C-alpha atoms as a PDB file:
ATOM      1  CA  MET A   1     -18.406  67.887  66.422  1.00  0.00           C
ATOM      2  CA  LYS A   2     -18.687  64.671  68.086  1.00  0.00           C
ATOM      3  CA  VAL A   3     -16.841  61.807  68.341  1.00  0.00           C
ATOM      4  CA  LYS A   4     -18.182  58.329  68.951  1.00  0.00           C
ATOM      5  CA  ILE A   5     -16.177  56.358  70.361  1.00  0.00           C
ATOM      6  CA  THR A   6     -16.945  52.970  70.279  1.00  0.00           C
ATOM      7  CA  ALA A   7     -17.041  49.654  71.920  1.00  0.00           C
ATOM      8  CA  LYS A   8     -14.189  47.816  70.164  1.00  0.00           C
ATOM      9  CA  GLU A   9     -11.764  50.677  70.511  1.00  0.00           C
ATOM     10  CA  VAL A  10     -11.251  50.748  73.733  1.00  0.00           C
ATOM     11  CA  LEU A  11     -12.212  46.823  74.593  1.00  0.00           C
ATOM     12  CA  LYS A  12      -9.156  46.247  72.189  1.00  0.00           C
ATOM     13  CA  PRO A  13      -5.979  48.246  74.021  1.00  0.00           C
ATOM     14  CA  ALA A  14      -7.259  47.210  77.409  1.00  0.00           C
ATOM     15  CA  LEU A  15      -7.876  43.601  76.293  1.00  0.00           C
ATOM     16  CA  SER A  16      -4.336  43.886  75.022  1.00  0.00           C
ATOM     17  CA  LEU A  17      -2.222  45.873  78.014  1.00  0.00           C
ATOM     18  CA  PHE A  18      -4.302  42.752  80.220  1.00  0.00           C
ATOM     19  CA  VAL A  19      -2.757  40.153  78.233  1.00  0.00           C
ATOM     20  CA  PHE A  20       0.801  41.715  77.718  1.00  0.00           C
ATOM     21  CA  CYS A  21      -0.292  42.261  82.393  1.00  0.00           C
ATOM     22  CA  LEU A  22      -0.701  38.630  82.493  1.00  0.00           C
ATOM     23  CA  ILE A  23       1.948  37.138  80.749  1.00  0.00           C
ATOM     24  CA  MET A  24       4.142  39.270  82.569  1.00  0.00           C
ATOM     25  CA  THR A  25       3.102  38.200  85.659  1.00  0.00           C
ATOM     26  CA  LEU A  26       3.640  34.543  85.242  1.00  0.00           C
ATOM     27  CA  LEU A  27       7.050  35.014  84.049  1.00  0.00           C
ATOM     28  CA  LEU A  28       8.450  36.979  87.157  1.00  0.00           C
ATOM     29  CA  ALA A  29       6.364  34.290  88.675  1.00  0.00           C
ATOM     30  CA  GLY A  30       7.741  31.189  87.223  1.00  0.00           C
ATOM     31  CA  THR A  31      10.894  33.314  87.592  1.00  0.00           C
ATOM     32  CA  ASN A  32      11.124  33.889  91.442  1.00  0.00           C
ATOM     33  CA  LEU A  33      10.008  30.428  91.811  1.00  0.00           C
ATOM     34  CA  LEU A  34      12.692  28.443  90.045  1.00  0.00           C
ATOM     35  CA  THR A  35      15.397  30.830  91.841  1.00  0.00           C
ATOM     36  CA  LYS A  36      14.313  30.970  94.794  1.00  0.00           C
ATOM     37  CA  ASP A  37      15.852  28.062  96.496  1.00  0.00           C
ATOM     38  CA  MET A  38      19.358  29.284  94.623  1.00  0.00           C
ATOM     39  CA  ILE A  39      18.791  32.999  96.535  1.00  0.00           C
ATOM     40  CA  LYS A  40      18.175  30.510 100.229  1.00  0.00           C
ATOM     41  CA  GLU A  41      20.528  28.856  99.703  1.00  0.00           C
ATOM     42  CA  GLN A  42      22.831  31.447  98.615  1.00  0.00           C
ATOM     43  CA  GLU A  43      21.782  33.000 102.138  1.00  0.00           C
ATOM     44  CA  LEU A  44      23.083  30.208 104.007  1.00  0.00           C
ATOM     45  CA  LYS A  45      26.303  30.199 102.742  1.00  0.00           C
ATOM     46  CA  THR A  46      26.673  33.779 103.413  1.00  0.00           C
ATOM     47  CA  GLU A  47      25.135  33.552 106.535  1.00  0.00           C
ATOM     48  CA  GLU A  48      28.172  29.774 107.197  1.00  0.00           C
ATOM     49  CA  THR A  49      30.588  32.278 106.141  1.00  0.00           C
ATOM     50  CA  ALA A  50      29.249  35.007 108.050  1.00  0.00           C
ATOM     51  CA  ARG A  51      29.631  32.495 111.540  1.00  0.00           C
ATOM     52  CA  LYS A  52      33.480  32.025 110.222  1.00  0.00           C
ATOM     53  CA  VAL A  53      34.322  35.890 109.983  1.00  0.00           C
ATOM     54  CA  VAL A  54      32.694  36.527 113.380  1.00  0.00           C
ATOM     55  CA  PHE A  55      34.141  33.585 115.138  1.00  0.00           C
ATOM     56  CA  ALA A  56      37.713  32.549 113.691  1.00  0.00           C
ATOM     57  CA  SER A  57      38.865  30.921 116.594  1.00  0.00           C
ATOM     58  CA  ALA A  58      36.077  28.448 116.109  1.00  0.00           C
ATOM     59  CA  ASP A  59      36.001  25.513 114.624  1.00  0.00           C
ATOM     60  CA  SER A  60      32.512  24.038 113.980  1.00  0.00           C
ATOM     61  CA  PHE A  61      29.652  25.657 114.525  1.00  0.00           C
ATOM     62  CA  GLU A  62      25.829  24.460 117.070  1.00  0.00           C
ATOM     63  CA  ALA A  63      22.285  25.960 115.752  1.00  0.00           C
ATOM     64  CA  LYS A  64      20.188  26.386 119.222  1.00  0.00           C
ATOM     65  CA  ASP A  65      17.162  28.020 119.530  1.00  0.00           C
ATOM     66  CA  GLY A  66      17.486  31.031 118.140  1.00  0.00           C
ATOM     67  CA  TYR A  67      21.098  31.662 117.666  1.00  0.00           C
ATOM     68  CA  PHE A  68      24.376  29.653 117.413  1.00  0.00           C
ATOM     69  CA  LEU A  69      27.207  27.796 119.761  1.00  0.00           C
ATOM     70  CA  ALA A  70      30.954  28.615 118.247  1.00  0.00           C
ATOM     71  CA  LEU A  71      33.111  25.829 119.760  1.00  0.00           C
ATOM     72  CA  LYS A  72      36.390  24.466 119.829  1.00  0.00           C
ATOM     73  CA  ASP A  73      37.571  21.202 119.827  1.00  0.00           C
ATOM     74  CA  GLY A  74      33.924  20.469 121.253  1.00  0.00           C
ATOM     75  CA  GLU A  75      33.219  23.432 123.979  1.00  0.00           C
ATOM     76  CA  THR A  76      31.665  25.685 123.762  1.00  0.00           C
ATOM     77  CA  VAL A  77      33.661  28.652 123.372  1.00  0.00           C
ATOM     78  CA  GLY A  78      31.194  31.748 122.341  1.00  0.00           C
ATOM     79  CA  TYR A  79      27.779  32.442 120.798  1.00  0.00           C
ATOM     80  CA  ILE A  80      26.419  34.060 117.644  1.00  0.00           C
ATOM     81  CA  PHE A  81      23.805  35.838 117.156  1.00  0.00           C
ATOM     82  CA  THR A  82      21.972  37.097 114.048  1.00  0.00           C
ATOM     83  CA  THR A  83      20.208  40.506 114.449  1.00  0.00           C
ATOM     84  CA  GLU A  84      17.745  43.452 113.209  1.00  0.00           C
ATOM     85  CA  ALA A  85      17.228  46.178 113.352  1.00  0.00           C
ATOM     86  CA  ASP A  86      15.388  49.264 111.143  1.00  0.00           C
ATOM     87  CA  SER A  87      18.350  51.779 109.534  1.00  0.00           C
ATOM     88  CA  TYR A  88      17.927  54.831 106.748  1.00  0.00           C
ATOM     89  CA  GLY A  89      17.361  51.984 103.761  1.00  0.00           C
ATOM     90  CA  GLY A  90      14.753  49.739 105.372  1.00  0.00           C
ATOM     91  CA  ALA A  91      15.603  46.575 107.405  1.00  0.00           C
ATOM     92  CA  LEU A  92      19.494  45.705 108.678  1.00  0.00           C
ATOM     93  CA  LYS A  93      20.566  42.945 109.606  1.00  0.00           C
ATOM     94  CA  VAL A  94      24.213  41.808 111.439  1.00  0.00           C
ATOM     95  CA  MET A  95      25.391  38.523 112.528  1.00  0.00           C
ATOM     96  CA  THR A  96      27.739  39.073 116.097  1.00  0.00           C
ATOM     97  CA  GLY A  97      29.882  37.192 117.344  1.00  0.00           C
ATOM     98  CA  ILE A  98      30.678  37.115 121.531  1.00  0.00           C
ATOM     99  CA  SER A  99      33.133  35.065 123.601  1.00  0.00           C
ATOM    100  CA  GLU A 100      32.102  32.750 126.538  1.00  0.00           C
ATOM    101  CA  ALA A 101      34.466  35.946 127.810  1.00  0.00           C
ATOM    102  CA  GLY A 102      31.826  38.518 127.635  1.00  0.00           C
ATOM    103  CA  LYS A 103      33.652  40.079 124.057  1.00  0.00           C
ATOM    104  CA  VAL A 104      32.758  40.832 120.846  1.00  0.00           C
ATOM    105  CA  THR A 105      34.648  38.754 118.027  1.00  0.00           C
ATOM    106  CA  GLY A 106      32.959  40.062 115.538  1.00  0.00           C
ATOM    107  CA  VAL A 107      30.420  41.638 113.804  1.00  0.00           C
ATOM    108  CA  SER A 108      29.312  41.048 109.908  1.00  0.00           C
ATOM    109  CA  ILE A 109      26.118  43.006 107.538  1.00  0.00           C
ATOM    110  CA  LEU A 110      23.993  40.147 106.087  1.00  0.00           C
ATOM    111  CA  SER A 111      22.163  42.549 104.460  1.00  0.00           C
ATOM    112  CA  ILE A 112      21.586  46.407 104.344  1.00  0.00           C
ATOM    113  CA  ASP A 113      20.597  48.950 102.033  1.00  0.00           C
ATOM    114  CA  ASP A 114      21.741  52.259 103.013  1.00  0.00           C
ATOM    115  CA  THR A 115      23.351  54.812 100.753  1.00  0.00           C
ATOM    116  CA  PRO A 116      26.352  54.053  99.400  1.00  0.00           C
ATOM    117  CA  GLY A 117      29.569  56.014 100.254  1.00  0.00           C
ATOM    118  CA  LEU A 118      27.737  56.904 102.933  1.00  0.00           C
ATOM    119  CA  GLY A 119      25.719  54.607 104.821  1.00  0.00           C
ATOM    120  CA  MET A 120      27.407  50.666 103.760  1.00  0.00           C
ATOM    121  CA  ASN A 121      30.734  52.375 104.437  1.00  0.00           C
ATOM    122  CA  ALA A 122      28.911  50.525 107.915  1.00  0.00           C
ATOM    123  CA  LYS A 123      30.459  46.940 106.009  1.00  0.00           C
ATOM    124  CA  ASN A 124      33.805  48.102 106.173  1.00  0.00           C
ATOM    125  CA  GLU A 125      36.121  47.130 108.489  1.00  0.00           C
ATOM    126  CA  SER A 126      37.551  50.015 109.864  1.00  0.00           C
ATOM    127  CA  PHE A 127      34.178  50.407 111.988  1.00  0.00           C
ATOM    128  CA  ARG A 128      32.310  46.859 112.737  1.00  0.00           C
ATOM    129  CA  GLY A 129      36.328  46.820 113.985  1.00  0.00           C
ATOM    130  CA  GLN A 130      34.714  48.885 116.797  1.00  0.00           C
ATOM    131  CA  TYR A 131      33.305  46.501 118.163  1.00  0.00           C
ATOM    132  CA  LEU A 132      35.563  44.443 119.169  1.00  0.00           C
ATOM    133  CA  GLN A 133      35.607  45.299 123.035  1.00  0.00           C
ATOM    134  CA  ASP A 134      34.621  43.743 126.236  1.00  0.00           C
ATOM    135  CA  VAL A 135      30.404  44.071 126.298  1.00  0.00           C
ATOM    136  CA  PRO A 136      29.377  46.675 128.355  1.00  0.00           C
ATOM    137  CA  ALA A 137      26.453  46.100 130.630  1.00  0.00           C
ATOM    138  CA  ALA A 138      24.271  48.725 128.750  1.00  0.00           C
ATOM    139  CA  GLY A 139      25.758  47.798 124.696  1.00  0.00           C
ATOM    140  CA  PHE A 140      27.693  50.450 123.207  1.00  0.00           C
ATOM    141  CA  GLU A 141      26.238  53.933 122.466  1.00  0.00           C
ATOM    142  CA  VAL A 142      26.697  55.781 118.988  1.00  0.00           C
ATOM    143  CA  VAL A 143      28.622  58.628 119.472  1.00  0.00           C
ATOM    144  CA  THR A 144      29.394  61.221 116.966  1.00  0.00           C
ATOM    145  CA  GLY A 145      32.773  63.736 116.145  1.00  0.00           C
ATOM    146  CA  GLY A 146      35.234  61.340 117.021  1.00  0.00           C
ATOM    147  CA  GLY A 147      36.431  59.631 120.372  1.00  0.00           C
ATOM    148  CA  ALA A 148      35.607  57.363 121.209  1.00  0.00           C
ATOM    149  CA  GLY A 149      35.344  55.418 124.171  1.00  0.00           C
ATOM    150  CA  GLU A 150      35.047  52.415 126.090  1.00  0.00           C
ATOM    151  CA  GLY A 151      31.399  51.125 125.171  1.00  0.00           C
ATOM    152  CA  GLU A 152      31.317  53.707 122.259  1.00  0.00           C
ATOM    153  CA  ILE A 153      31.016  53.353 118.313  1.00  0.00           C
ATOM    154  CA  ASN A 154      32.390  56.507 116.604  1.00  0.00           C
ATOM    155  CA  ALA A 155      29.029  57.258 113.972  1.00  0.00           C
ATOM    156  CA  LEU A 156      30.013  57.199 110.541  1.00  0.00           C
ATOM    157  CA  THR A 157      29.715  61.024 109.090  1.00  0.00           C
ATOM    158  CA  GLY A 158      26.849  61.247 106.641  1.00  0.00           C
ATOM    159  CA  ALA A 159      25.354  58.085 108.289  1.00  0.00           C
ATOM    160  CA  THR A 160      24.666  58.581 112.152  1.00  0.00           C
ATOM    161  CA  ILE A 161      21.583  56.391 111.679  1.00  0.00           C
ATOM    162  CA  THR A 162      23.007  54.111 110.071  1.00  0.00           C
ATOM    163  CA  SER A 163      25.452  53.716 112.853  1.00  0.00           C
ATOM    164  CA  LYS A 164      22.718  53.812 115.398  1.00  0.00           C
ATOM    165  CA  ALA A 165      21.029  51.120 114.089  1.00  0.00           C
ATOM    166  CA  VAL A 166      23.825  48.314 113.177  1.00  0.00           C
ATOM    167  CA  THR A 167      24.888  49.630 117.738  1.00  0.00           C
ATOM    168  CA  THR A 168      21.265  48.201 117.761  1.00  0.00           C
ATOM    169  CA  ALA A 169      21.252  44.951 116.198  1.00  0.00           C
ATOM    170  CA  VAL A 170      24.331  44.704 118.277  1.00  0.00           C
ATOM    171  CA  ASN A 171      22.701  45.562 120.979  1.00  0.00           C
ATOM    172  CA  GLU A 172      19.969  43.369 120.115  1.00  0.00           C
ATOM    173  CA  ALA A 173      22.956  40.860 120.389  1.00  0.00           C
ATOM    174  CA  VAL A 174      24.514  41.950 124.170  1.00  0.00           C
ATOM    175  CA  SER A 175      20.608  41.485 125.459  1.00  0.00           C
ATOM    176  CA  GLN A 176      20.873  37.690 124.113  1.00  0.00           C
ATOM    177  CA  PHE A 177      24.333  36.426 125.339  1.00  0.00           C
ATOM    178  CA  ASN A 178      23.623  38.669 128.682  1.00  0.00           C
ATOM    179  CA  ASN A 179      19.916  36.598 129.315  1.00  0.00           C
ATOM    180  CA  LEU A 180      22.154  33.263 128.074  1.00  0.00           C
ATOM    181  CA  LYS A 181      24.707  34.093 130.506  1.00  0.00           C
ATOM    182  CA  ALA A 182      22.051  35.334 133.315  1.00  0.00           C
ATOM    183  CA  GLY A 183      20.913  31.927 132.186  1.00  0.00           C
ATOM    184  CA  ASP A 184      23.804  29.821 133.350  1.00  0.00           C
END
């Protein structure tokens, strides 16, 4: 027994699926168009808040080419850098404050998509606080097993890749700081 399929039997569901997909695409594009300015505004607010966290002693900030100056009573007291690195869950964005004297004043994770309960622990003060020390000449190094010394950062348990990614981003900020100071 031969079953004959007509063009109408094939085209009707295909056309319905096409129209459905077209409508959904237009709705998603419209939603994106309506919310992109709000998303950008929220990102700017998050960065503003993070600048205050990574350099709490500053009373204002001045944008420069690729970084911010941290100012206190109109005088430069440090620098704020936003850097990125590849992490376990994708791109990781970090903001780092460094004082004029060469000490890390704060580290804030702006975006991270790593494993909840493991890599996401990089947001915890207990991890980020390890960077609050003088900037090592060769940058920070991640160590495992505890007992980190000067210029070393204890890796998060089960999240060494994330620990190294945050450290890479902070070290990029250190490199930019060193380049700025060398140009003074």
